């Protein structure tokens, strides 16, 4: 267990920014994995522990990740934030014009890595700043109403610079009626995509595959569940609705009760 805790975690495809970074996150992973394997073969954890301590206290290193503290977060617009990171002493990133850095952190329990170009002056000492844009979409789809949501989802996941958070709620009668399960499961692996299912004619989750049980509800999508999902969003989302006319009416009413105004919704 101790060795597994020290083993580097392999990046997922969604974590690579696709910008041709030198080194790429996969290069860093392979180097860290080789170091871990050598240490494990010798049954000597000290190099790994020393490296961990150094990464927490050293300046920026192109071959490994270094931990920096966030000193401030300023909201500039509804979906844009300016993050200020502390650098040890009066050190500087010393980046050339146009160079970027890769930031790594945990989002929704997933390790996420994204490339950013600092907005702070190149000679700034003791800190650096980046801009992060986080939009939020809530998609409510009933049955075949899922169809217009998929191109939007795929356009977000295909664009490495798009950091929109998306919550998709798909309403179906039974588990067997869920469309395009493999595609939805693939999309749900992205750090900024959450997918929930609401099954109106299922009475129990016990017979569902374990990978669906945690994010599936039985019954109908009602006002209480809408409020729960909206409260789990990072900010008030813009809502997309697609389904029957009755579904549109119900969702509009529930959203209004949850504080989402009509001008923050779009009905297909």
C-alpha atoms as a PDB file:
ATOM      1  CA  UNK A   1       0.000   0.000   0.000  1.00  0.00           C
ATOM      2  CA  UNK A   2       2.861   2.391   0.799  1.00  0.00           C
ATOM      3  CA  UNK A   3       4.462   1.787  -2.589  1.00  0.00           C
ATOM      4  CA  UNK A   4       1.133   2.236  -4.386  1.00  0.00           C
ATOM      5  CA  UNK A   5       0.666   5.568  -2.626  1.00  0.00           C
ATOM      6  CA  UNK A   6       4.012   6.735  -4.049  1.00  0.00           C
ATOM      7  CA  UNK A   7       3.338   5.419  -7.561  1.00  0.00           C
ATOM      8  CA  UNK A   8       2.654   8.209 -10.095  1.00  0.00           C
ATOM      9  CA  UNK A   9      -0.835   8.234 -11.587  1.00  0.00           C
ATOM     10  CA  UNK A  10      -1.098   7.755 -15.343  1.00  0.00           C
ATOM     11  CA  UNK A  11      -2.725  10.766 -17.059  1.00  0.00           C
ATOM     12  CA  UNK A  12      -6.024  10.273 -18.867  1.00  0.00           C
ATOM     13  CA  UNK A  13      -6.385  11.444 -22.507  1.00  0.00           C
ATOM     14  CA  UNK A  14      -8.524  14.382 -21.354  1.00  0.00           C
ATOM     15  CA  UNK A  15      -5.650  15.708 -19.247  1.00  0.00           C
ATOM     16  CA  UNK A  16      -3.319  16.312 -22.205  1.00  0.00           C
ATOM     17  CA  UNK A  17      -3.706  19.867 -23.509  1.00  0.00           C
ATOM     18  CA  UNK A  18      -2.650  18.827 -27.029  1.00  0.00           C
ATOM     19  CA  UNK A  19      -0.299  21.799 -27.379  1.00  0.00           C
ATOM     20  CA  UNK A  20       2.898  19.817 -27.894  1.00  0.00           C
ATOM     21  CA  UNK A  21       4.315  20.667 -24.458  1.00  0.00           C
ATOM     22  CA  UNK A  22       8.009  19.883 -23.833  1.00  0.00           C
ATOM     23  CA  UNK A  23       7.805  17.857 -21.700  1.00  0.00           C
ATOM     24  CA  UNK A  24       4.296  16.536 -22.225  1.00  0.00           C
ATOM     25  CA  UNK A  25       2.424  15.247 -19.166  1.00  0.00           C
ATOM     26  CA  UNK A  26       3.025  11.755 -20.561  1.00  0.00           C
ATOM     27  CA  UNK A  27       6.787  12.420 -20.685  1.00  0.00           C
ATOM     28  CA  UNK A  28       6.688  13.506 -17.042  1.00  0.00           C
ATOM     29  CA  UNK A  29       4.632  10.448 -16.111  1.00  0.00           C
ATOM     30  CA  UNK A  30       6.989   8.018 -17.841  1.00  0.00           C
ATOM     31  CA  UNK A  31      10.008   9.603 -16.150  1.00  0.00           C
ATOM     32  CA  UNK A  32       8.346   9.513 -12.715  1.00  0.00           C
ATOM     33  CA  UNK A  33       7.195   5.914 -13.292  1.00  0.00           C
ATOM     34  CA  UNK A  34      10.732   4.812 -14.214  1.00  0.00           C
ATOM     35  CA  UNK A  35      12.064   6.456 -11.046  1.00  0.00           C
ATOM     36  CA  UNK A  36       9.378   4.732  -8.979  1.00  0.00           C
ATOM     37  CA  UNK A  37      10.157   1.334 -10.539  1.00  0.00           C
ATOM     38  CA  UNK A  38      13.903   1.725  -9.837  1.00  0.00           C
ATOM     39  CA  UNK A  39      13.211   2.710  -6.238  1.00  0.00           C
ATOM     40  CA  UNK A  40      10.795  -0.201  -5.757  1.00  0.00           C
ATOM     41  CA  UNK A  41      13.289  -2.686  -7.210  1.00  0.00           C
ATOM     42  CA  UNK A  42      15.843  -1.491  -4.645  1.00  0.00           C
ATOM     43  CA  UNK A  43      13.186  -1.283  -1.907  1.00  0.00           C
ATOM     44  CA  UNK A  44      14.437   2.236  -1.167  1.00  0.00           C
ATOM     45  CA  UNK A  45      11.765   4.922  -0.794  1.00  0.00           C
ATOM     46  CA  UNK A  46      14.157   7.704   0.164  1.00  0.00           C
ATOM     47  CA  UNK A  47      14.698   9.083  -3.399  1.00  0.00           C
ATOM     48  CA  UNK A  48      10.945   9.360  -3.872  1.00  0.00           C
ATOM     49  CA  UNK A  49      10.413  11.047  -0.518  1.00  0.00           C
ATOM     50  CA  UNK A  50      13.300  13.481  -1.118  1.00  0.00           C
ATOM     51  CA  UNK A  51      11.930  14.359  -4.525  1.00  0.00           C
ATOM     52  CA  UNK A  52       8.495  15.009  -3.029  1.00  0.00           C
ATOM     53  CA  UNK A  53       9.991  17.380  -0.434  1.00  0.00           C
ATOM     54  CA  UNK A  54      12.077  19.170  -3.055  1.00  0.00           C
ATOM     55  CA  UNK A  55       9.096  19.633  -5.361  1.00  0.00           C
ATOM     56  CA  UNK A  56       7.245  21.366  -2.542  1.00  0.00           C
ATOM     57  CA  UNK A  57      10.034  23.870  -1.944  1.00  0.00           C
ATOM     58  CA  UNK A  58      11.939  24.334  -5.202  1.00  0.00           C
ATOM     59  CA  UNK A  59      11.436  26.823  -8.008  1.00  0.00           C
ATOM     60  CA  UNK A  60       9.736  25.930 -11.278  1.00  0.00           C
ATOM     61  CA  UNK A  61      11.314  22.865 -12.867  1.00  0.00           C
ATOM     62  CA  UNK A  62      10.595  21.780 -16.466  1.00  0.00           C
ATOM     63  CA  UNK A  63      10.972  18.113 -15.573  1.00  0.00           C
ATOM     64  CA  UNK A  64       8.563  17.824 -12.658  1.00  0.00           C
ATOM     65  CA  UNK A  65       5.561  19.437 -10.980  1.00  0.00           C
ATOM     66  CA  UNK A  66       6.090  21.836  -8.084  1.00  0.00           C
ATOM     67  CA  UNK A  67       3.537  22.796  -5.431  1.00  0.00           C
ATOM     68  CA  UNK A  68       2.689  26.520  -5.139  1.00  0.00           C
ATOM     69  CA  UNK A  69       0.160  28.218  -2.868  1.00  0.00           C
ATOM     70  CA  UNK A  70      -2.716  30.312  -4.227  1.00  0.00           C
ATOM     71  CA  UNK A  71      -2.501  33.716  -2.533  1.00  0.00           C
ATOM     72  CA  UNK A  72      -5.634  35.252  -4.056  1.00  0.00           C
ATOM     73  CA  UNK A  73      -8.511  34.650  -6.454  1.00  0.00           C
ATOM     74  CA  UNK A  74     -10.259  37.622  -8.083  1.00  0.00           C
ATOM     75  CA  UNK A  75     -13.476  37.285 -10.076  1.00  0.00           C
ATOM     76  CA  UNK A  76     -13.179  39.542 -13.126  1.00  0.00           C
ATOM     77  CA  UNK A  77     -16.391  38.644 -14.965  1.00  0.00           C
ATOM     78  CA  UNK A  78     -19.230  36.194 -14.425  1.00  0.00           C
ATOM     79  CA  UNK A  79     -17.079  33.283 -15.583  1.00  0.00           C
ATOM     80  CA  UNK A  80     -13.487  34.584 -15.539  1.00  0.00           C
ATOM     81  CA  UNK A  81     -11.148  34.460 -12.541  1.00  0.00           C
ATOM     82  CA  UNK A  82      -7.615  35.728 -11.936  1.00  0.00           C
ATOM     83  CA  UNK A  83      -5.493  33.375  -9.819  1.00  0.00           C
ATOM     84  CA  UNK A  84      -2.342  34.584  -8.092  1.00  0.00           C
ATOM     85  CA  UNK A  85       0.251  31.968  -7.082  1.00  0.00           C
ATOM     86  CA  UNK A  86       3.114  32.520  -4.660  1.00  0.00           C
ATOM     87  CA  UNK A  87       6.716  31.791  -5.682  1.00  0.00           C
ATOM     88  CA  UNK A  88       9.366  31.142  -3.000  1.00  0.00           C
ATOM     89  CA  UNK A  89      11.381  34.197  -2.007  1.00  0.00           C
ATOM     90  CA  UNK A  90      11.760  36.652  -4.857  1.00  0.00           C
ATOM     91  CA  UNK A  91      12.053  33.980  -7.538  1.00  0.00           C
ATOM     92  CA  UNK A  92      10.582  34.392 -11.015  1.00  0.00           C
ATOM     93  CA  UNK A  93       9.182  32.023 -13.625  1.00  0.00           C
ATOM     94  CA  UNK A  94      11.648  33.401 -16.168  1.00  0.00           C
ATOM     95  CA  UNK A  95       9.495  32.371 -19.119  1.00  0.00           C
ATOM     96  CA  UNK A  96      10.140  33.573 -22.647  1.00  0.00           C
ATOM     97  CA  UNK A  97       7.443  35.466 -24.544  1.00  0.00           C
ATOM     98  CA  UNK A  98       4.587  33.123 -25.463  1.00  0.00           C
ATOM     99  CA  UNK A  99       5.723  30.246 -23.241  1.00  0.00           C
ATOM    100  CA  UNK A 100       3.134  28.535 -21.075  1.00  0.00           C
ATOM    101  CA  UNK A 101       3.028  26.454 -17.922  1.00  0.00           C
ATOM    102  CA  UNK A 102       1.007  23.350 -17.079  1.00  0.00           C
ATOM    103  CA  UNK A 103      -1.041  23.500 -13.880  1.00  0.00           C
ATOM    104  CA  UNK A 104      -2.203  20.345 -12.122  1.00  0.00           C
ATOM    105  CA  UNK A 105      -4.932  20.013  -9.506  1.00  0.00           C
ATOM    106  CA  UNK A 106      -7.951  17.985  -8.385  1.00  0.00           C
ATOM    107  CA  UNK A 107     -11.429  18.707  -9.784  1.00  0.00           C
ATOM    108  CA  UNK A 108     -14.402  16.491  -8.914  1.00  0.00           C
ATOM    109  CA  UNK A 109     -12.005  13.853  -7.627  1.00  0.00           C
ATOM    110  CA  UNK A 110     -10.084  13.751 -10.920  1.00  0.00           C
ATOM    111  CA  UNK A 111      -6.547  14.967 -11.472  1.00  0.00           C
ATOM    112  CA  UNK A 112      -6.646  17.709 -14.106  1.00  0.00           C
ATOM    113  CA  UNK A 113      -3.768  19.266 -16.036  1.00  0.00           C
ATOM    114  CA  UNK A 114      -4.175  22.320 -18.273  1.00  0.00           C
ATOM    115  CA  UNK A 115      -1.799  24.677 -20.060  1.00  0.00           C
ATOM    116  CA  UNK A 116      -1.909  28.415 -19.270  1.00  0.00           C
ATOM    117  CA  UNK A 117       0.066  31.445 -20.379  1.00  0.00           C
ATOM    118  CA  UNK A 118       0.751  33.644 -17.321  1.00  0.00           C
ATOM    119  CA  UNK A 119      -0.610  37.197 -17.527  1.00  0.00           C
ATOM    120  CA  UNK A 120       1.858  38.552 -14.954  1.00  0.00           C
ATOM    121  CA  UNK A 121       4.991  40.375 -16.203  1.00  0.00           C
ATOM    122  CA  UNK A 122       7.803  38.053 -17.216  1.00  0.00           C
ATOM    123  CA  UNK A 123      10.075  39.564 -14.563  1.00  0.00           C
ATOM    124  CA  UNK A 124       7.483  39.462 -11.757  1.00  0.00           C
ATOM    125  CA  UNK A 125       9.167  38.367  -8.535  1.00  0.00           C
ATOM    126  CA  UNK A 126       7.568  36.219  -5.857  1.00  0.00           C
ATOM    127  CA  UNK A 127       4.375  35.459  -7.751  1.00  0.00           C
ATOM    128  CA  UNK A 128       2.711  34.661 -11.068  1.00  0.00           C
ATOM    129  CA  UNK A 129      -0.882  35.079 -12.261  1.00  0.00           C
ATOM    130  CA  UNK A 130      -3.129  33.243 -14.728  1.00  0.00           C
ATOM    131  CA  UNK A 131      -6.659  33.757 -16.034  1.00  0.00           C
ATOM    132  CA  UNK A 132      -9.130  30.879 -15.862  1.00  0.00           C
ATOM    133  CA  UNK A 133     -12.540  30.933 -17.510  1.00  0.00           C
ATOM    134  CA  UNK A 134     -15.200  28.656 -16.073  1.00  0.00           C
ATOM    135  CA  UNK A 135     -18.622  28.682 -17.697  1.00  0.00           C
ATOM    136  CA  UNK A 136     -21.368  26.385 -16.441  1.00  0.00           C
ATOM    137  CA  UNK A 137     -24.036  24.543 -18.421  1.00  0.00           C
ATOM    138  CA  UNK A 138     -26.898  22.404 -17.130  1.00  0.00           C
ATOM    139  CA  UNK A 139     -28.475  20.144 -19.757  1.00  0.00           C
ATOM    140  CA  UNK A 140     -31.890  18.620 -19.071  1.00  0.00           C
ATOM    141  CA  UNK A 141     -32.828  16.002 -21.654  1.00  0.00           C
ATOM    142  CA  UNK A 142     -35.724  13.574 -21.844  1.00  0.00           C
ATOM    143  CA  UNK A 143     -35.476  10.548 -24.150  1.00  0.00           C
ATOM    144  CA  UNK A 144     -34.433  11.577 -27.649  1.00  0.00           C
ATOM    145  CA  UNK A 145     -34.005  15.104 -26.290  1.00  0.00           C
ATOM    146  CA  UNK A 146     -30.461  13.922 -25.617  1.00  0.00           C
ATOM    147  CA  UNK A 147     -29.639  14.265 -29.334  1.00  0.00           C
ATOM    148  CA  UNK A 148     -29.008  18.051 -29.593  1.00  0.00           C
ATOM    149  CA  UNK A 149     -26.945  17.984 -26.401  1.00  0.00           C
ATOM    150  CA  UNK A 150     -24.285  15.628 -27.767  1.00  0.00           C
ATOM    151  CA  UNK A 151     -22.727  17.963 -30.401  1.00  0.00           C
ATOM    152  CA  UNK A 152     -22.435  20.668 -27.747  1.00  0.00           C
ATOM    153  CA  UNK A 153     -20.773  18.275 -25.322  1.00  0.00           C
ATOM    154  CA  UNK A 154     -18.362  17.014 -27.960  1.00  0.00           C
ATOM    155  CA  UNK A 155     -17.448  20.530 -29.094  1.00  0.00           C
ATOM    156  CA  UNK A 156     -16.485  21.340 -25.490  1.00  0.00           C
ATOM    157  CA  UNK A 157     -14.421  18.195 -24.972  1.00  0.00           C
ATOM    158  CA  UNK A 158     -12.745  18.556 -28.391  1.00  0.00           C
ATOM    159  CA  UNK A 159     -11.517  22.080 -27.573  1.00  0.00           C
ATOM    160  CA  UNK A 160      -8.615  21.896 -25.131  1.00  0.00           C
ATOM    161  CA  UNK A 161      -9.067  25.592 -24.296  1.00  0.00           C
ATOM    162  CA  UNK A 162     -12.760  25.258 -23.392  1.00  0.00           C
ATOM    163  CA  UNK A 163     -13.135  24.967 -19.622  1.00  0.00           C
ATOM    164  CA  UNK A 164     -16.927  24.990 -19.486  1.00  0.00           C
ATOM    165  CA  UNK A 165     -18.320  22.800 -16.709  1.00  0.00           C
ATOM    166  CA  UNK A 166     -21.275  20.723 -17.919  1.00  0.00           C
ATOM    167  CA  UNK A 167     -23.875  18.757 -15.994  1.00  0.00           C
ATOM    168  CA  UNK A 168     -26.088  16.567 -18.193  1.00  0.00           C
ATOM    169  CA  UNK A 169     -29.250  15.060 -16.707  1.00  0.00           C
ATOM    170  CA  UNK A 170     -30.737  12.375 -18.967  1.00  0.00           C
ATOM    171  CA  UNK A 171     -34.286  11.202 -18.204  1.00  0.00           C
ATOM    172  CA  UNK A 172     -35.331   7.746 -19.427  1.00  0.00           C
ATOM    173  CA  UNK A 173     -37.926   5.154 -18.497  1.00  0.00           C
ATOM    174  CA  UNK A 174     -35.505   2.311 -17.753  1.00  0.00           C
ATOM    175  CA  UNK A 175     -31.777   1.615 -17.833  1.00  0.00           C
ATOM    176  CA  UNK A 176     -32.173  -0.293 -21.113  1.00  0.00           C
ATOM    177  CA  UNK A 177     -33.701   2.811 -22.714  1.00  0.00           C
ATOM    178  CA  UNK A 178     -30.614   4.966 -22.186  1.00  0.00           C
ATOM    179  CA  UNK A 179     -29.232   5.935 -25.577  1.00  0.00           C
ATOM    180  CA  UNK A 180     -25.563   5.764 -26.545  1.00  0.00           C
ATOM    181  CA  UNK A 181     -24.261   4.482 -23.217  1.00  0.00           C
ATOM    182  CA  UNK A 182     -20.628   3.977 -24.392  1.00  0.00           C
ATOM    183  CA  UNK A 183     -20.424   7.529 -25.748  1.00  0.00           C
ATOM    184  CA  UNK A 184     -21.929   9.001 -22.587  1.00  0.00           C
ATOM    185  CA  UNK A 185     -19.540   7.000 -20.408  1.00  0.00           C
ATOM    186  CA  UNK A 186     -16.586   8.276 -22.447  1.00  0.00           C
ATOM    187  CA  UNK A 187     -17.772  11.874 -22.105  1.00  0.00           C
ATOM    188  CA  UNK A 188     -18.237  11.452 -18.344  1.00  0.00           C
ATOM    189  CA  UNK A 189     -14.513  10.678 -18.013  1.00  0.00           C
ATOM    190  CA  UNK A 190     -13.625  14.286 -18.834  1.00  0.00           C
ATOM    191  CA  UNK A 191     -12.786  16.414 -15.811  1.00  0.00           C
ATOM    192  CA  UNK A 192     -15.426  19.048 -16.612  1.00  0.00           C
ATOM    193  CA  UNK A 193     -18.360  16.759 -17.533  1.00  0.00           C
ATOM    194  CA  UNK A 194     -20.870  15.230 -15.088  1.00  0.00           C
ATOM    195  CA  UNK A 195     -23.697  12.970 -16.253  1.00  0.00           C
ATOM    196  CA  UNK A 196     -26.697  11.929 -14.166  1.00  0.00           C
ATOM    197  CA  UNK A 197     -29.525   9.589 -15.135  1.00  0.00           C
ATOM    198  CA  UNK A 198     -33.124   9.700 -13.910  1.00  0.00           C
ATOM    199  CA  UNK A 199     -35.077   6.478 -14.563  1.00  0.00           C
ATOM    200  CA  UNK A 200     -38.821   6.872 -14.072  1.00  0.00           C
ATOM    201  CA  UNK A 201     -39.786   3.176 -14.227  1.00  0.00           C
ATOM    202  CA  UNK A 202     -36.883   1.675 -12.285  1.00  0.00           C
ATOM    203  CA  UNK A 203     -37.614   0.994  -8.619  1.00  0.00           C
ATOM    204  CA  UNK A 204     -34.130  -0.044  -7.494  1.00  0.00           C
ATOM    205  CA  UNK A 205     -30.522   0.650  -8.452  1.00  0.00           C
ATOM    206  CA  UNK A 206     -29.212  -2.714  -7.218  1.00  0.00           C
ATOM    207  CA  UNK A 207     -29.467  -4.429 -10.616  1.00  0.00           C
ATOM    208  CA  UNK A 208     -27.668  -1.601 -12.441  1.00  0.00           C
ATOM    209  CA  UNK A 209     -23.933  -1.865 -13.208  1.00  0.00           C
ATOM    210  CA  UNK A 210     -21.966  -0.402 -10.289  1.00  0.00           C
ATOM    211  CA  UNK A 211     -20.536   2.327 -12.516  1.00  0.00           C
ATOM    212  CA  UNK A 212     -24.056   3.760 -12.947  1.00  0.00           C
ATOM    213  CA  UNK A 213     -25.399   3.401  -9.426  1.00  0.00           C
ATOM    214  CA  UNK A 214     -23.725   6.454  -7.931  1.00  0.00           C
ATOM    215  CA  UNK A 215     -25.002   8.890 -10.560  1.00  0.00           C
ATOM    216  CA  UNK A 216     -28.493   7.470 -11.186  1.00  0.00           C
ATOM    217  CA  UNK A 217     -31.824   8.340  -9.557  1.00  0.00           C
ATOM    218  CA  UNK A 218     -35.111   6.462  -9.682  1.00  0.00           C
ATOM    219  CA  UNK A 219     -38.469   8.153 -10.133  1.00  0.00           C
ATOM    220  CA  UNK A 220     -39.001  11.413 -11.974  1.00  0.00           C
ATOM    221  CA  UNK A 221     -36.947  14.558 -12.253  1.00  0.00           C
ATOM    222  CA  UNK A 222     -38.834  16.744  -9.794  1.00  0.00           C
ATOM    223  CA  UNK A 223     -38.361  20.117  -8.152  1.00  0.00           C
ATOM    224  CA  UNK A 224     -36.349  18.792  -5.206  1.00  0.00           C
ATOM    225  CA  UNK A 225     -33.892  16.912  -7.410  1.00  0.00           C
ATOM    226  CA  UNK A 226     -33.506  19.947  -9.686  1.00  0.00           C
ATOM    227  CA  UNK A 227     -32.604  22.065  -6.660  1.00  0.00           C
ATOM    228  CA  UNK A 228     -30.118  19.444  -5.444  1.00  0.00           C
ATOM    229  CA  UNK A 229     -28.371  19.332  -8.824  1.00  0.00           C
ATOM    230  CA  UNK A 230     -28.279  23.137  -9.181  1.00  0.00           C
ATOM    231  CA  UNK A 231     -26.870  23.482  -5.664  1.00  0.00           C
ATOM    232  CA  UNK A 232     -24.070  21.088  -6.640  1.00  0.00           C
ATOM    233  CA  UNK A 233     -23.033  23.384  -9.508  1.00  0.00           C
ATOM    234  CA  UNK A 234     -20.224  25.875  -8.912  1.00  0.00           C
ATOM    235  CA  UNK A 235     -22.426  28.833  -9.895  1.00  0.00           C
ATOM    236  CA  UNK A 236     -25.867  29.385 -11.362  1.00  0.00           C
ATOM    237  CA  UNK A 237     -25.779  27.582 -14.708  1.00  0.00           C
ATOM    238  CA  UNK A 238     -27.213  28.420 -18.098  1.00  0.00           C
ATOM    239  CA  UNK A 239     -29.786  25.693 -18.768  1.00  0.00           C
ATOM    240  CA  UNK A 240     -30.555  23.815 -21.995  1.00  0.00           C
ATOM    241  CA  UNK A 241     -33.835  21.868 -22.120  1.00  0.00           C
ATOM    242  CA  UNK A 242     -35.013  19.325 -24.676  1.00  0.00           C
ATOM    243  CA  UNK A 243     -37.919  16.897 -24.426  1.00  0.00           C
ATOM    244  CA  UNK A 244     -41.684  16.798 -24.747  1.00  0.00           C
ATOM    245  CA  UNK A 245     -43.833  19.903 -24.256  1.00  0.00           C
ATOM    246  CA  UNK A 246     -44.876  18.602 -20.841  1.00  0.00           C
ATOM    247  CA  UNK A 247     -41.206  18.106 -19.936  1.00  0.00           C
ATOM    248  CA  UNK A 248     -40.447  21.691 -21.007  1.00  0.00           C
ATOM    249  CA  UNK A 249     -43.268  23.054 -18.852  1.00  0.00           C
ATOM    250  CA  UNK A 250     -42.257  21.027 -15.791  1.00  0.00           C
ATOM    251  CA  UNK A 251     -38.568  21.913 -16.075  1.00  0.00           C
ATOM    252  CA  UNK A 252     -39.299  25.626 -16.566  1.00  0.00           C
ATOM    253  CA  UNK A 253     -41.465  25.615 -13.447  1.00  0.00           C
ATOM    254  CA  UNK A 254     -38.917  23.704 -11.364  1.00  0.00           C
ATOM    255  CA  UNK A 255     -36.058  25.926 -12.523  1.00  0.00           C
ATOM    256  CA  UNK A 256     -37.960  29.079 -11.633  1.00  0.00           C
ATOM    257  CA  UNK A 257     -38.553  27.678  -8.148  1.00  0.00           C
ATOM    258  CA  UNK A 258     -34.801  27.042  -7.925  1.00  0.00           C
ATOM    259  CA  UNK A 259     -33.985  30.646  -8.805  1.00  0.00           C
ATOM    260  CA  UNK A 260     -33.117  30.184 -12.486  1.00  0.00           C
ATOM    261  CA  UNK A 261     -34.723  32.935 -14.555  1.00  0.00           C
ATOM    262  CA  UNK A 262     -36.227  32.422 -17.986  1.00  0.00           C
ATOM    263  CA  UNK A 263     -33.456  34.410 -19.707  1.00  0.00           C
ATOM    264  CA  UNK A 264     -30.970  31.824 -18.367  1.00  0.00           C
ATOM    265  CA  UNK A 265     -32.694  28.947 -20.195  1.00  0.00           C
ATOM    266  CA  UNK A 266     -32.895  27.772 -23.781  1.00  0.00           C
ATOM    267  CA  UNK A 267     -35.531  25.305 -24.972  1.00  0.00           C
ATOM    268  CA  UNK A 268     -34.822  23.252 -28.097  1.00  0.00           C
END
